[in-house]
Structure formats: C-alpha cells, structure tokens
C-alpha cells in the first residue's frame, strides 16, 4: 500500500499561513520549509550589519531591509527571507502580497552551519535568476570573512573575498564601505584550528 501524495499548497495558502505563523518558512513548489533558529553570533553579525547599512544608506537612493521582509524569486517561485538586503530605486512587490519584494539589488546571508551549503548552492542558483540582483554576499559568523559574488555585464558572477578585521567590506552596486571591525563588533570567535591535527 502506498501513502497518499502530500497535498501541495498554493501560493495564496502559503501566504495566508505565513501571516499568522509564529515562525518564518520558505516556500517552494507547493511546500513550506521552516527556517532554522540562529546563534548568538549570527544575530550579532546580522544586527551589526543592519545598523551599519542603515546609517550609510540613509538619505540615498538605496534602502536596506532586514530578515523580516520576504523576497520572491519570480522566475522560480521561491519565497524566502534573506538575512539582509538592499533595494535601489522604487521597490517592486509581489501582486499577491505587498510585503514580498521582487527586485532586490543586493542580498546578504549570514552563514550558519545548518544552512551554509544551501546558501552557497541551491539558494544562489535561485537568487541568480533575479534580474535586478547585482551582488550576493555571504558573511561568516565564526571568522571575519565575507564573500561577494558580483554579477558582470556579460552575466558571469565573479567572487571577491575580504578577510580580516582590518579590512573593509565594500559593495560595487551601492556606494557603500563598512569596516570589518564594525561588522564583527561584539562577536567572540572560536579558537582557530590548525590545518591538520598534530601527530601524537
């Protein structure tokens, strides 16, 4: 005897559930996926970035948004909540839900052990299909390191890495520079591990 196939949700059903849910969920292909909780370090880095972006973008043509603003990848149908983002110019929203942005310029994810592989691979493949997106930024929580993937005019994505508290986190698509020391203010890093364990 085979199990009955799981009923897929419509987008309207997902959005109705999400409006009253106690926790956030992503949505793709008729299914909801609960989002994992975040560590203290993850929250500290996200908060620092929110503050720094807010101060630096104030009064300009771009505005930042934090993790409670949902983003839809229109070409694939993924609804998700990036940790932070930036939209330049007027925001465009999903006709089905005015709280769902569809034209981000920059998306930022703070990496967690449970989501790092997803953020680097599957999620990036979705995000790349957002026509307005110019940069995808991955921020480490356990070491002072940032990876930026920058869309080129020919459609290629180029990786730019920044490492160290004395460096600056810079965006190409938005005139913005943030000292890495400010991104990681108050973050306690775990002790560094050797490349190989010593022979005993």
C-alpha atoms as a PDB file:
ATOM      1  CA  UNK A   1       0.000   0.000   0.000  1.00  0.00           C
ATOM      2  CA  UNK A   2       1.434   3.381  -0.947  1.00  0.00           C
ATOM      3  CA  UNK A   3       0.988   6.581   1.002  1.00  0.00           C
ATOM      4  CA  UNK A   4      -1.241   9.237  -0.473  1.00  0.00           C
ATOM      5  CA  UNK A   5       0.774  12.027  -2.052  1.00  0.00           C
ATOM      6  CA  UNK A   6       1.148  15.092   0.125  1.00  0.00           C
ATOM      7  CA  UNK A   7      -1.213  17.879  -0.925  1.00  0.00           C
ATOM      8  CA  UNK A   8       0.691  20.838  -2.322  1.00  0.00           C
ATOM      9  CA  UNK A   9      -0.147  24.305  -1.105  1.00  0.00           C
ATOM     10  CA  UNK A  10      -0.997  27.174  -3.385  1.00  0.00           C
ATOM     11  CA  UNK A  11       0.927  30.432  -3.035  1.00  0.00           C
ATOM     12  CA  UNK A  12      -2.205  32.065  -1.596  1.00  0.00           C
ATOM     13  CA  UNK A  13      -2.470  29.322   1.050  1.00  0.00           C
ATOM     14  CA  UNK A  14       1.195  29.720   1.973  1.00  0.00           C
ATOM     15  CA  UNK A  15       0.876  33.490   2.312  1.00  0.00           C
ATOM     16  CA  UNK A  16      -2.241  33.132   4.490  1.00  0.00           C
ATOM     17  CA  UNK A  17      -0.483  30.642   6.788  1.00  0.00           C
ATOM     18  CA  UNK A  18       2.641  32.797   6.952  1.00  0.00           C
ATOM     19  CA  UNK A  19       0.707  35.881   8.064  1.00  0.00           C
ATOM     20  CA  UNK A  20      -0.336  34.181  11.333  1.00  0.00           C
ATOM     21  CA  UNK A  21       2.603  31.789  11.833  1.00  0.00           C
ATOM     22  CA  UNK A  22       4.835  32.057  14.905  1.00  0.00           C
ATOM     23  CA  UNK A  23       7.965  31.379  12.844  1.00  0.00           C
ATOM     24  CA  UNK A  24       9.000  32.065   9.266  1.00  0.00           C
ATOM     25  CA  UNK A  25       9.002  29.488   6.491  1.00  0.00           C
ATOM     26  CA  UNK A  26      10.328  29.438   2.965  1.00  0.00           C
ATOM     27  CA  UNK A  27       8.026  28.237   0.204  1.00  0.00           C
ATOM     28  CA  UNK A  28       8.851  26.404  -2.988  1.00  0.00           C
ATOM     29  CA  UNK A  29       6.912  24.137  -5.336  1.00  0.00           C
ATOM     30  CA  UNK A  30       3.886  23.830  -3.064  1.00  0.00           C
ATOM     31  CA  UNK A  31       5.822  23.086   0.138  1.00  0.00           C
ATOM     32  CA  UNK A  32       6.734  25.121   3.210  1.00  0.00           C
ATOM     33  CA  UNK A  33      10.149  24.773   4.865  1.00  0.00           C
ATOM     34  CA  UNK A  34      10.618  26.064   8.434  1.00  0.00           C
ATOM     35  CA  UNK A  35      13.641  28.293   8.831  1.00  0.00           C
ATOM     36  CA  UNK A  36      16.189  27.334  11.470  1.00  0.00           C
ATOM     37  CA  UNK A  37      16.912  29.461  14.512  1.00  0.00           C
ATOM     38  CA  UNK A  38      20.108  31.499  14.622  1.00  0.00           C
ATOM     39  CA  UNK A  39      23.044  31.508  17.037  1.00  0.00           C
ATOM     40  CA  UNK A  40      24.089  34.479  19.184  1.00  0.00           C
ATOM     41  CA  UNK A  41      26.985  35.191  16.797  1.00  0.00           C
ATOM     42  CA  UNK A  42      24.675  35.042  13.771  1.00  0.00           C
ATOM     43  CA  UNK A  43      22.293  37.508  15.399  1.00  0.00           C
ATOM     44  CA  UNK A  44      25.122  39.835  16.433  1.00  0.00           C
ATOM     45  CA  UNK A  45      26.582  39.961  12.900  1.00  0.00           C
ATOM     46  CA  UNK A  46      23.107  40.496  11.393  1.00  0.00           C
ATOM     47  CA  UNK A  47      22.357  43.284  13.854  1.00  0.00           C
ATOM     48  CA  UNK A  48      25.703  44.999  13.258  1.00  0.00           C
ATOM     49  CA  UNK A  49      25.160  44.882   9.503  1.00  0.00           C
ATOM     50  CA  UNK A  50      21.607  46.210   9.849  1.00  0.00           C
ATOM     51  CA  UNK A  51      22.846  49.192  11.872  1.00  0.00           C
ATOM     52  CA  UNK A  52      25.821  49.927   9.603  1.00  0.00           C
ATOM     53  CA  UNK A  53      23.823  49.658   6.368  1.00  0.00           C
ATOM     54  CA  UNK A  54      21.025  51.783   7.809  1.00  0.00           C
ATOM     55  CA  UNK A  55      23.400  54.597   8.763  1.00  0.00           C
ATOM     56  CA  UNK A  56      25.309  54.540   5.484  1.00  0.00           C
ATOM     57  CA  UNK A  57      22.271  54.288   3.185  1.00  0.00           C
ATOM     58  CA  UNK A  58      20.184  56.948   4.927  1.00  0.00           C
ATOM     59  CA  UNK A  59      19.092  59.709   2.577  1.00  0.00           C
ATOM     60  CA  UNK A  60      20.375  57.988  -0.565  1.00  0.00           C
ATOM     61  CA  UNK A  61      18.647  56.251  -3.474  1.00  0.00           C
ATOM     62  CA  UNK A  62      19.002  52.800  -1.876  1.00  0.00           C
ATOM     63  CA  UNK A  63      17.449  51.399   1.290  1.00  0.00           C
ATOM     64  CA  UNK A  64      18.259  48.374   3.378  1.00  0.00           C
ATOM     65  CA  UNK A  65      15.899  45.776   4.767  1.00  0.00           C
ATOM     66  CA  UNK A  66      16.279  43.099   7.425  1.00  0.00           C
ATOM     67  CA  UNK A  67      15.233  39.474   7.747  1.00  0.00           C
ATOM     68  CA  UNK A  68      11.507  40.059   8.205  1.00  0.00           C
ATOM     69  CA  UNK A  69      10.998  41.234   4.614  1.00  0.00           C
ATOM     70  CA  UNK A  70      10.182  38.312   2.339  1.00  0.00           C
ATOM     71  CA  UNK A  71      11.724  38.102  -1.138  1.00  0.00           C
ATOM     72  CA  UNK A  72      10.254  36.231  -4.085  1.00  0.00           C
ATOM     73  CA  UNK A  73      12.442  34.838  -6.843  1.00  0.00           C
ATOM     74  CA  UNK A  74       9.897  35.457  -9.586  1.00  0.00           C
ATOM     75  CA  UNK A  75      11.354  33.125 -12.257  1.00  0.00           C
ATOM     76  CA  UNK A  76      11.465  30.087  -9.923  1.00  0.00           C
ATOM     77  CA  UNK A  77       8.685  30.768  -7.416  1.00  0.00           C
ATOM     78  CA  UNK A  78      10.897  30.586  -4.302  1.00  0.00           C
ATOM     79  CA  UNK A  79       9.697  32.720  -1.389  1.00  0.00           C
ATOM     80  CA  UNK A  80      12.431  33.254   1.195  1.00  0.00           C
ATOM     81  CA  UNK A  81      13.788  35.569   3.879  1.00  0.00           C
ATOM     82  CA  UNK A  82      17.383  36.706   3.301  1.00  0.00           C
ATOM     83  CA  UNK A  83      19.175  37.955   6.393  1.00  0.00           C
ATOM     84  CA  UNK A  84      19.538  41.422   4.866  1.00  0.00           C
ATOM     85  CA  UNK A  85      19.186  43.131   1.550  1.00  0.00           C
ATOM     86  CA  UNK A  86      19.308  46.404  -0.312  1.00  0.00           C
ATOM     87  CA  UNK A  87      16.951  47.729  -2.961  1.00  0.00           C
ATOM     88  CA  UNK A  88      17.896  50.715  -5.105  1.00  0.00           C
ATOM     89  CA  UNK A  89      15.133  52.815  -6.581  1.00  0.00           C
ATOM     90  CA  UNK A  90      11.446  52.046  -6.073  1.00  0.00           C
ATOM     91  CA  UNK A  91      10.710  48.638  -4.581  1.00  0.00           C
ATOM     92  CA  UNK A  92       8.550  46.290  -6.620  1.00  0.00           C
ATOM     93  CA  UNK A  93       6.286  43.876  -4.778  1.00  0.00           C
ATOM     94  CA  UNK A  94       4.522  40.605  -5.467  1.00  0.00           C
ATOM     95  CA  UNK A  95       0.981  41.340  -6.726  1.00  0.00           C
ATOM     96  CA  UNK A  96      -0.271  38.682  -4.303  1.00  0.00           C
ATOM     97  CA  UNK A  97       1.450  40.173  -1.256  1.00  0.00           C
ATOM     98  CA  UNK A  98       2.649  43.750  -0.750  1.00  0.00           C
ATOM     99  CA  UNK A  99       5.152  42.562   1.888  1.00  0.00           C
ATOM    100  CA  UNK A 100       7.106  40.470  -0.630  1.00  0.00           C
ATOM    101  CA  UNK A 101       9.881  42.248  -2.542  1.00  0.00           C
ATOM    102  CA  UNK A 102      10.767  41.042  -6.046  1.00  0.00           C
ATOM    103  CA  UNK A 103      13.542  43.452  -7.150  1.00  0.00           C
ATOM    104  CA  UNK A 104      16.422  43.415  -4.630  1.00  0.00           C
ATOM    105  CA  UNK A 105      19.775  44.857  -5.721  1.00  0.00           C
ATOM    106  CA  UNK A 106      21.897  43.142  -3.046  1.00  0.00           C
ATOM    107  CA  UNK A 107      21.108  40.077  -0.934  1.00  0.00           C
ATOM    108  CA  UNK A 108      23.117  39.168   2.168  1.00  0.00           C
ATOM    109  CA  UNK A 109      23.145  35.870   4.049  1.00  0.00           C
ATOM    110  CA  UNK A 110      24.991  35.291   7.318  1.00  0.00           C
ATOM    111  CA  UNK A 111      26.288  31.740   7.113  1.00  0.00           C
ATOM    112  CA  UNK A 112      25.229  29.134   9.679  1.00  0.00           C
ATOM    113  CA  UNK A 113      26.499  25.548   9.868  1.00  0.00           C
ATOM    114  CA  UNK A 114      22.988  24.237   9.153  1.00  0.00           C
ATOM    115  CA  UNK A 115      22.372  26.440   6.093  1.00  0.00           C
ATOM    116  CA  UNK A 116      25.813  27.167   4.608  1.00  0.00           C
ATOM    117  CA  UNK A 117      25.657  24.515   1.883  1.00  0.00           C
ATOM    118  CA  UNK A 118      22.133  25.582   0.891  1.00  0.00           C
ATOM    119  CA  UNK A 119      23.078  29.287   0.841  1.00  0.00           C
ATOM    120  CA  UNK A 120      26.139  28.617  -1.327  1.00  0.00           C
ATOM    121  CA  UNK A 121      24.487  26.313  -3.861  1.00  0.00           C
ATOM    122  CA  UNK A 122      20.726  25.888  -4.234  1.00  0.00           C
ATOM    123  CA  UNK A 123      19.763  29.298  -2.898  1.00  0.00           C
ATOM    124  CA  UNK A 124      22.366  31.061  -5.015  1.00  0.00           C
ATOM    125  CA  UNK A 125      21.078  29.273  -8.137  1.00  0.00           C
ATOM    126  CA  UNK A 126      17.637  30.716  -7.375  1.00  0.00           C
ATOM    127  CA  UNK A 127      18.929  34.182  -6.493  1.00  0.00           C
ATOM    128  CA  UNK A 128      20.972  34.418  -9.724  1.00  0.00           C
ATOM    129  CA  UNK A 129      17.698  34.421 -11.655  1.00  0.00           C
ATOM    130  CA  UNK A 130      16.506  37.685 -10.099  1.00  0.00           C
ATOM    131  CA  UNK A 131      17.103  40.167 -12.904  1.00  0.00           C
ATOM    132  CA  UNK A 132      17.669  43.148 -10.588  1.00  0.00           C
ATOM    133  CA  UNK A 133      20.208  41.366  -8.362  1.00  0.00           C
ATOM    134  CA  UNK A 134      23.758  42.681  -8.710  1.00  0.00           C
ATOM    135  CA  UNK A 135      25.532  41.239  -5.665  1.00  0.00           C
ATOM    136  CA  UNK A 136      25.113  38.212  -3.408  1.00  0.00           C
ATOM    137  CA  UNK A 137      27.043  38.444  -0.151  1.00  0.00           C
ATOM    138  CA  UNK A 138      27.900  35.628   2.265  1.00  0.00           C
ATOM    139  CA  UNK A 139      29.095  36.714   5.702  1.00  0.00           C
ATOM    140  CA  UNK A 140      30.830  34.232   8.004  1.00  0.00           C
ATOM    141  CA  UNK A 141      29.822  34.256  11.660  1.00  0.00           C
ATOM    142  CA  UNK A 142      32.800  32.359  13.095  1.00  0.00           C
ATOM    143  CA  UNK A 143      35.632  34.309  11.454  1.00  0.00           C
ATOM    144  CA  UNK A 144      35.998  37.811   9.982  1.00  0.00           C
ATOM    145  CA  UNK A 145      35.392  36.897   6.340  1.00  0.00           C
ATOM    146  CA  UNK A 146      32.991  37.989   3.603  1.00  0.00           C
ATOM    147  CA  UNK A 147      32.447  36.530   0.133  1.00  0.00           C
ATOM    148  CA  UNK A 148      30.800  38.708  -2.509  1.00  0.00           C
ATOM    149  CA  UNK A 149      29.519  37.328  -5.773  1.00  0.00           C
ATOM    150  CA  UNK A 150      29.213  40.196  -8.256  1.00  0.00           C
ATOM    151  CA  UNK A 151      27.236  39.991 -11.499  1.00  0.00           C
ATOM    152  CA  UNK A 152      29.244  41.124 -14.523  1.00  0.00           C
ATOM    153  CA  UNK A 153      27.781  42.817 -17.629  1.00  0.00           C
ATOM    154  CA  UNK A 154      28.100  39.521 -19.537  1.00  0.00           C
ATOM    155  CA  UNK A 155      26.117  37.659 -16.856  1.00  0.00           C
ATOM    156  CA  UNK A 156      29.079  35.925 -15.177  1.00  0.00           C
ATOM    157  CA  UNK A 157      29.404  36.066 -11.393  1.00  0.00           C
ATOM    158  CA  UNK A 158      32.832  36.949 -10.001  1.00  0.00           C
ATOM    159  CA  UNK A 159      33.867  36.034  -6.453  1.00  0.00           C
ATOM    160  CA  UNK A 160      35.514  38.722  -4.306  1.00  0.00           C
ATOM    161  CA  UNK A 161      36.755  37.765  -0.828  1.00  0.00           C
ATOM    162  CA  UNK A 162      37.505  40.016   2.146  1.00  0.00           C
ATOM    163  CA  UNK A 163      39.244  38.601   5.225  1.00  0.00           C
ATOM    164  CA  UNK A 164      40.412  40.200   8.480  1.00  0.00           C
ATOM    165  CA  UNK A 165      39.180  42.779  10.957  1.00  0.00           C
ATOM    166  CA  UNK A 166      41.425  45.456   9.459  1.00  0.00           C
ATOM    167  CA  UNK A 167      39.805  45.144   6.007  1.00  0.00           C
ATOM    168  CA  UNK A 168      36.720  46.897   4.589  1.00  0.00           C
ATOM    169  CA  UNK A 169      33.522  45.331   3.308  1.00  0.00           C
ATOM    170  CA  UNK A 170      32.763  47.155   0.031  1.00  0.00           C
ATOM    171  CA  UNK A 171      29.876  46.874  -2.419  1.00  0.00           C
ATOM    172  CA  UNK A 172      30.164  47.616  -6.149  1.00  0.00           C
ATOM    173  CA  UNK A 173      26.479  48.199  -6.933  1.00  0.00           C
ATOM    174  CA  UNK A 174      25.898  50.548  -3.986  1.00  0.00           C
ATOM    175  CA  UNK A 175      28.389  53.238  -2.866  1.00  0.00           C
ATOM    176  CA  UNK A 176      28.998  51.637   0.495  1.00  0.00           C
ATOM    177  CA  UNK A 177      32.047  50.749   2.609  1.00  0.00           C
ATOM    178  CA  UNK A 178      31.898  49.180   6.079  1.00  0.00           C
ATOM    179  CA  UNK A 179      34.949  48.358   8.216  1.00  0.00           C
ATOM    180  CA  UNK A 180      35.002  44.648   9.012  1.00  0.00           C
ATOM    181  CA  UNK A 181      35.664  45.563  12.643  1.00  0.00           C
ATOM    182  CA  UNK A 182      32.194  47.164  12.713  1.00  0.00           C
ATOM    183  CA  UNK A 183      30.563  44.115  11.086  1.00  0.00           C
ATOM    184  CA  UNK A 184      32.035  41.877  13.801  1.00  0.00           C
ATOM    185  CA  UNK A 185      31.772  44.216  16.802  1.00  0.00           C
ATOM    186  CA  UNK A 186      30.988  42.145  19.905  1.00  0.00           C
ATOM    187  CA  UNK A 187      31.461  38.778  18.171  1.00  0.00           C
ATOM    188  CA  UNK A 188      33.532  36.161  20.034  1.00  0.00           C
ATOM    189  CA  UNK A 189      35.366  33.973  17.530  1.00  0.00           C
ATOM    190  CA  UNK A 190      36.111  30.339  18.346  1.00  0.00           C
ATOM    191  CA  UNK A 191      39.801  29.457  18.734  1.00  0.00           C
ATOM    192  CA  UNK A 192      41.473  28.933  15.373  1.00  0.00           C
ATOM    193  CA  UNK A 193      42.164  25.326  14.475  1.00  0.00           C
ATOM    194  CA  UNK A 194      45.349  24.066  12.834  1.00  0.00           C
ATOM    195  CA  UNK A 195      45.079  22.896   9.240  1.00  0.00           C
ATOM    196  CA  UNK A 196      45.978  19.406  10.428  1.00  0.00           C
ATOM    197  CA  UNK A 197      45.802  17.789  13.826  1.00  0.00           C
ATOM    198  CA  UNK A 198      49.263  17.238  15.397  1.00  0.00           C
ATOM    199  CA  UNK A 199      50.626  13.701  15.361  1.00  0.00           C
ATOM    200  CA  UNK A 200      50.756  12.231  18.872  1.00  0.00           C
END
